[in-house]
Amino acid sequence: DLFGDWMRPPNQVALMAGMVGSQQGWMQAPYCPCPANAQDIAGALTWLRPGRIAIVPGLRCQHPGLAGSSDLAQIPDVMRGEETQIWGAGLAEHSCCVLPGTHSKWAWLGDDGQVQAFKTYMTGELFGLLTQHGILGRLMSFVPGAALDRAAFEAGVALGRRGHADLAHTLFAART
């Protein structure tokens, strides 16, 4: 009923991707394990109306965690919807795709456009939390349309490239 005119043709198929298939969405769709390609996803659709309306599953992968830990030996990662953007862009084999956003994704493609693995970073969400609910936000001024302070931006990138993994300390340094 919600698709209206889109579904009038008798052979029309509607595919929905993204958070519609999450626990908070219309119906939870399972994740496909990586490596995966578009054919793997097509074979794992969650049909709401068989042959007509389906939810596209997301992808999942595992990253090495703490050696010797039964609970944290592997760290899970998931994506919903970004995989359709990757395949829709028609990227070359053996490439890296960066998808910026609230939860930025870095995805690595192998043969035949297979998503081999990906990593998710809470970049936008972390920025929002720190600037809206923390001391850093009170020290910042947000001026719509203001010019980029290129020197400050490049200094931050250089600091990050040096392997500064101590994020909490570096954030405090930004305050001081």
C-alpha atoms as a PDB file:
ATOM      1  CA  ASP A   1       0.000   0.000   0.000  1.00  0.00           C
ATOM      2  CA  LEU A   2       2.874   2.384   0.794  1.00  0.00           C
ATOM      3  CA  PHE A   3       4.454   1.971  -2.649  1.00  0.00           C
ATOM      4  CA  GLY A   4       1.379   3.146  -4.560  1.00  0.00           C
ATOM      5  CA  ASP A   5       2.002   3.707  -8.262  1.00  0.00           C
ATOM      6  CA  TRP A   6       5.449   2.112  -8.109  1.00  0.00           C
ATOM      7  CA  MET A   7       3.914  -1.328  -7.750  1.00  0.00           C
ATOM      8  CA  ARG A   8       1.162  -1.053 -10.392  1.00  0.00           C
ATOM      9  CA  PRO A   9       3.082  -2.963 -13.107  1.00  0.00           C
ATOM     10  CA  PRO A  10       2.453  -6.682 -12.436  1.00  0.00           C
ATOM     11  CA  ASN A  11       6.131  -7.720 -12.629  1.00  0.00           C
ATOM     12  CA  GLN A  12       7.535  -4.761 -10.686  1.00  0.00           C
ATOM     13  CA  VAL A  13       9.890  -5.670  -7.818  1.00  0.00           C
ATOM     14  CA  ALA A  14      10.769  -3.284  -4.978  1.00  0.00           C
ATOM     15  CA  LEU A  15      14.033  -3.808  -3.102  1.00  0.00           C
ATOM     16  CA  MET A  16      14.624  -1.899   0.140  1.00  0.00           C
ATOM     17  CA  ALA A  17      18.095  -1.525   1.621  1.00  0.00           C
ATOM     18  CA  GLY A  18      19.466   0.035   4.769  1.00  0.00           C
ATOM     19  CA  MET A  19      17.962   0.381   8.214  1.00  0.00           C
ATOM     20  CA  VAL A  20      14.543  -0.846   7.023  1.00  0.00           C
ATOM     21  CA  GLY A  21      16.055  -4.322   7.602  1.00  0.00           C
ATOM     22  CA  SER A  22      17.453  -3.593  11.067  1.00  0.00           C
ATOM     23  CA  GLN A  23      16.023  -4.472  14.488  1.00  0.00           C
ATOM     24  CA  GLN A  24      14.547  -0.945  14.492  1.00  0.00           C
ATOM     25  CA  GLY A  25      13.201  -1.271  10.941  1.00  0.00           C
ATOM     26  CA  TRP A  26      10.164  -2.934   9.381  1.00  0.00           C
ATOM     27  CA  MET A  27      11.574  -6.452   9.608  1.00  0.00           C
ATOM     28  CA  GLN A  28      15.019  -7.697  10.547  1.00  0.00           C
ATOM     29  CA  ALA A  29      16.898  -9.152   7.597  1.00  0.00           C
ATOM     30  CA  PRO A  30      19.928 -11.383   8.188  1.00  0.00           C
ATOM     31  CA  TYR A  31      23.470 -10.304   7.352  1.00  0.00           C
ATOM     32  CA  CYS A  32      25.526 -12.031   4.656  1.00  0.00           C
ATOM     33  CA  PRO A  33      29.075 -12.903   5.690  1.00  0.00           C
ATOM     34  CA  CYS A  34      32.002 -11.350   3.836  1.00  0.00           C
ATOM     35  CA  PRO A  35      33.387 -11.904   1.329  1.00  0.00           C
ATOM     36  CA  ALA A  36      30.148 -11.330  -0.530  1.00  0.00           C
ATOM     37  CA  ASN A  37      29.031 -10.034  -3.901  1.00  0.00           C
ATOM     38  CA  ALA A  38      25.700  -8.833  -5.299  1.00  0.00           C
ATOM     39  CA  GLN A  39      24.674 -12.400  -6.211  1.00  0.00           C
ATOM     40  CA  ASP A  40      25.176 -13.514  -2.589  1.00  0.00           C
ATOM     41  CA  ILE A  41      22.937 -10.669  -1.427  1.00  0.00           C
ATOM     42  CA  ALA A  42      20.304 -11.465  -4.077  1.00  0.00           C
ATOM     43  CA  GLY A  43      20.153 -15.037  -2.802  1.00  0.00           C
ATOM     44  CA  ALA A  44      19.501 -13.888   0.766  1.00  0.00           C
ATOM     45  CA  LEU A  45      16.690 -11.358   0.272  1.00  0.00           C
ATOM     46  CA  THR A  46      14.010 -11.216   2.986  1.00  0.00           C
ATOM     47  CA  TRP A  47      10.720 -11.214   1.098  1.00  0.00           C
ATOM     48  CA  LEU A  48       7.812  -9.219   2.516  1.00  0.00           C
ATOM     49  CA  ARG A  49       5.654 -10.116  -0.501  1.00  0.00           C
ATOM     50  CA  PRO A  50       7.278 -13.003  -2.383  1.00  0.00           C
ATOM     51  CA  GLY A  51       8.384 -11.965  -5.848  1.00  0.00           C
ATOM     52  CA  ARG A  52       7.316  -8.338  -5.291  1.00  0.00           C
ATOM     53  CA  ILE A  53       8.810  -6.605  -2.221  1.00  0.00           C
ATOM     54  CA  ALA A  54      12.005  -7.592  -0.413  1.00  0.00           C
ATOM     55  CA  ILE A  55      14.515  -6.245   2.068  1.00  0.00           C
ATOM     56  CA  VAL A  56      18.167  -6.432   1.037  1.00  0.00           C
ATOM     57  CA  PRO A  57      20.352  -8.019   3.733  1.00  0.00           C
ATOM     58  CA  GLY A  58      23.396  -6.213   5.042  1.00  0.00           C
ATOM     59  CA  LEU A  59      26.944  -7.495   5.281  1.00  0.00           C
ATOM     60  CA  ARG A  60      28.935  -8.656   8.275  1.00  0.00           C
ATOM     61  CA  CYS A  61      32.584  -9.371   8.842  1.00  0.00           C
ATOM     62  CA  GLN A  62      34.889 -10.160  11.740  1.00  0.00           C
ATOM     63  CA  HIS A  63      38.089  -8.417  12.808  1.00  0.00           C
ATOM     64  CA  PRO A  64      40.814  -9.830  15.051  1.00  0.00           C
ATOM     65  CA  GLY A  65      40.221  -8.945  18.683  1.00  0.00           C
ATOM     66  CA  LEU A  66      42.029  -9.992  21.838  1.00  0.00           C
ATOM     67  CA  ALA A  67      44.088 -13.136  21.446  1.00  0.00           C
ATOM     68  CA  GLY A  68      43.201 -15.739  24.060  1.00  0.00           C
ATOM     69  CA  SER A  69      39.813 -14.172  24.863  1.00  0.00           C
ATOM     70  CA  SER A  70      36.777 -16.358  24.264  1.00  0.00           C
ATOM     71  CA  ASP A  71      34.386 -13.378  24.163  1.00  0.00           C
ATOM     72  CA  LEU A  72      36.550 -10.839  22.322  1.00  0.00           C
ATOM     73  CA  ALA A  73      38.700 -12.993  20.021  1.00  0.00           C
ATOM     74  CA  GLN A  74      36.737 -11.606  17.081  1.00  0.00           C
ATOM     75  CA  ILE A  75      35.162  -8.141  16.830  1.00  0.00           C
ATOM     76  CA  PRO A  76      32.003  -8.048  14.660  1.00  0.00           C
ATOM     77  CA  ASP A  77      31.238  -5.308  12.151  1.00  0.00           C
ATOM     78  CA  VAL A  78      28.080  -4.771  10.099  1.00  0.00           C
ATOM     79  CA  MET A  79      26.710  -2.538   7.353  1.00  0.00           C
ATOM     80  CA  ARG A  80      23.221  -2.077   5.937  1.00  0.00           C
ATOM     81  CA  GLY A  81      22.718  -0.204   2.691  1.00  0.00           C
ATOM     82  CA  GLU A  82      26.275   0.923   1.991  1.00  0.00           C
ATOM     83  CA  GLU A  83      26.956  -2.299   0.081  1.00  0.00           C
ATOM     84  CA  THR A  84      24.286  -1.277  -2.446  1.00  0.00           C
ATOM     85  CA  GLN A  85      26.073   2.052  -2.897  1.00  0.00           C
ATOM     86  CA  ILE A  86      29.376   0.248  -3.481  1.00  0.00           C
ATOM     87  CA  TRP A  87      27.940  -2.085  -6.124  1.00  0.00           C
ATOM     88  CA  GLY A  88      25.837   0.678  -7.643  1.00  0.00           C
ATOM     89  CA  ALA A  89      28.969   2.770  -8.161  1.00  0.00           C
ATOM     90  CA  GLY A  90      30.501  -0.033 -10.240  1.00  0.00           C
ATOM     91  CA  LEU A  91      33.895   0.249  -8.575  1.00  0.00           C
ATOM     92  CA  ALA A  92      36.912  -1.574  -9.937  1.00  0.00           C
ATOM     93  CA  GLU A  93      38.134  -4.861  -8.554  1.00  0.00           C
ATOM     94  CA  HIS A  94      40.784  -4.664  -5.837  1.00  0.00           C
ATOM     95  CA  SER A  95      39.875  -1.170  -4.710  1.00  0.00           C
ATOM     96  CA  CYS A  96      39.087   0.620  -1.470  1.00  0.00           C
ATOM     97  CA  CYS A  97      35.845   2.535  -1.083  1.00  0.00           C
ATOM     98  CA  VAL A  98      35.347   5.209   1.589  1.00  0.00           C
ATOM     99  CA  LEU A  99      31.752   6.025   2.506  1.00  0.00           C
ATOM    100  CA  PRO A 100      31.623   9.080   4.783  1.00  0.00           C
ATOM    101  CA  GLY A 101      28.782   9.597   7.204  1.00  0.00           C
ATOM    102  CA  THR A 102      27.664   9.340  10.792  1.00  0.00           C
ATOM    103  CA  HIS A 103      29.249   5.888  10.772  1.00  0.00           C
ATOM    104  CA  SER A 104      31.943   6.130   8.104  1.00  0.00           C
ATOM    105  CA  LYS A 105      32.823   2.886   6.307  1.00  0.00           C
ATOM    106  CA  TRP A 106      36.005   1.763   4.590  1.00  0.00           C
ATOM    107  CA  ALA A 107      35.358  -1.254   2.335  1.00  0.00           C
ATOM    108  CA  TRP A 108      37.872  -3.354   0.415  1.00  0.00           C
ATOM    109  CA  LEU A 109      36.794  -5.024  -2.828  1.00  0.00           C
ATOM    110  CA  GLY A 110      38.316  -8.131  -4.352  1.00  0.00           C
ATOM    111  CA  ASP A 111      37.591 -10.165  -7.459  1.00  0.00           C
ATOM    112  CA  ASP A 112      34.277  -9.598  -9.230  1.00  0.00           C
ATOM    113  CA  GLY A 113      33.331  -6.735  -6.913  1.00  0.00           C
ATOM    114  CA  GLN A 114      33.242  -8.920  -3.816  1.00  0.00           C
ATOM    115  CA  VAL A 115      33.296  -6.934  -0.586  1.00  0.00           C
ATOM    116  CA  GLN A 116      36.185  -8.711   1.118  1.00  0.00           C
ATOM    117  CA  ALA A 117      36.021  -6.774   4.382  1.00  0.00           C
ATOM    118  CA  PHE A 118      35.107  -3.386   5.788  1.00  0.00           C
ATOM    119  CA  LYS A 119      35.569  -1.304   8.910  1.00  0.00           C
ATOM    120  CA  THR A 120      33.109   1.112  10.474  1.00  0.00           C
ATOM    121  CA  TYR A 121      34.173   4.263  12.335  1.00  0.00           C
ATOM    122  CA  MET A 122      31.818   6.372  14.474  1.00  0.00           C
ATOM    123  CA  THR A 123      33.246   9.600  13.061  1.00  0.00           C
ATOM    124  CA  GLY A 124      30.150  11.759  12.605  1.00  0.00           C
ATOM    125  CA  GLU A 125      28.411  10.485  15.723  1.00  0.00           C
ATOM    126  CA  LEU A 126      31.528  11.007  17.845  1.00  0.00           C
ATOM    127  CA  PHE A 127      31.942  14.537  16.441  1.00  0.00           C
ATOM    128  CA  GLY A 128      28.310  15.311  17.256  1.00  0.00           C
ATOM    129  CA  LEU A 129      28.570  14.001  20.799  1.00  0.00           C
ATOM    130  CA  LEU A 130      31.810  15.822  21.528  1.00  0.00           C
ATOM    131  CA  THR A 131      30.730  19.146  20.058  1.00  0.00           C
ATOM    132  CA  GLN A 132      27.138  19.156  21.342  1.00  0.00           C
ATOM    133  CA  HIS A 133      27.496  17.554  24.770  1.00  0.00           C
ATOM    134  CA  GLY A 134      31.087  18.124  25.845  1.00  0.00           C
ATOM    135  CA  ILE A 135      33.574  20.792  26.811  1.00  0.00           C
ATOM    136  CA  LEU A 136      35.041  20.887  23.284  1.00  0.00           C
ATOM    137  CA  GLY A 137      31.765  22.194  21.869  1.00  0.00           C
ATOM    138  CA  ARG A 138      31.702  25.078  24.334  1.00  0.00           C
ATOM    139  CA  LEU A 139      35.141  26.133  23.146  1.00  0.00           C
ATOM    140  CA  MET A 140      34.252  26.014  19.446  1.00  0.00           C
ATOM    141  CA  SER A 141      32.447  28.548  17.357  1.00  0.00           C
ATOM    142  CA  PHE A 142      30.390  27.296  14.446  1.00  0.00           C
ATOM    143  CA  VAL A 143      29.988  29.958  11.798  1.00  0.00           C
ATOM    144  CA  PRO A 144      27.858  28.887   8.815  1.00  0.00           C
ATOM    145  CA  GLY A 145      29.787  29.385   5.596  1.00  0.00           C
ATOM    146  CA  ALA A 146      33.076  30.078   7.422  1.00  0.00           C
ATOM    147  CA  ALA A 147      36.266  29.329   5.517  1.00  0.00           C
ATOM    148  CA  LEU A 148      38.180  26.159   6.308  1.00  0.00           C
ATOM    149  CA  ASP A 149      41.212  26.700   8.555  1.00  0.00           C
ATOM    150  CA  ARG A 150      43.413  24.653   6.251  1.00  0.00           C
ATOM    151  CA  ALA A 151      46.508  24.783   8.483  1.00  0.00           C
ATOM    152  CA  ALA A 152      44.568  23.463  11.488  1.00  0.00           C
ATOM    153  CA  PHE A 153      42.940  20.743   9.363  1.00  0.00           C
ATOM    154  CA  GLU A 154      46.288  19.630   7.916  1.00  0.00           C
ATOM    155  CA  ALA A 155      47.871  19.615  11.383  1.00  0.00           C
ATOM    156  CA  GLY A 156      45.070  17.327  12.622  1.00  0.00           C
ATOM    157  CA  VAL A 157      45.527  14.980   9.656  1.00  0.00           C
ATOM    158  CA  ALA A 158      49.308  14.894  10.247  1.00  0.00           C
ATOM    159  CA  LEU A 159      48.735  14.069  13.923  1.00  0.00           C
ATOM    160  CA  GLY A 160      46.363  11.245  13.003  1.00  0.00           C
ATOM    161  CA  ARG A 161      48.755   9.842  10.395  1.00  0.00           C
ATOM    162  CA  ARG A 162      51.519   9.593  13.000  1.00  0.00           C
ATOM    163  CA  GLY A 163      49.505   6.787  14.552  1.00  0.00           C
ATOM    164  CA  HIS A 164      48.118   8.723  17.506  1.00  0.00           C
ATOM    165  CA  ALA A 165      45.928   5.921  18.856  1.00  0.00           C
ATOM    166  CA  ASP A 166      45.409   7.586  22.228  1.00  0.00           C
ATOM    167  CA  LEU A 167      42.185   9.308  21.168  1.00  0.00           C
ATOM    168  CA  ALA A 168      41.024  10.414  24.628  1.00  0.00           C
ATOM    169  CA  HIS A 169      44.345  12.140  25.323  1.00  0.00           C
ATOM    170  CA  THR A 170      44.465  13.772  21.891  1.00  0.00           C
ATOM    171  CA  LEU A 171      40.930  15.121  22.388  1.00  0.00           C
ATOM    172  CA  PHE A 172      41.987  16.694  25.675  1.00  0.00           C
ATOM    173  CA  ALA A 173      44.964  18.231  23.892  1.00  0.00           C
ATOM    174  CA  ALA A 174      42.534  19.825  21.432  1.00  0.00           C
ATOM    175  CA  ARG A 175      40.838  21.471  24.419  1.00  0.00           C
ATOM    176  CA  THR A 176      44.086  22.745  25.920  1.00  0.00           C
END
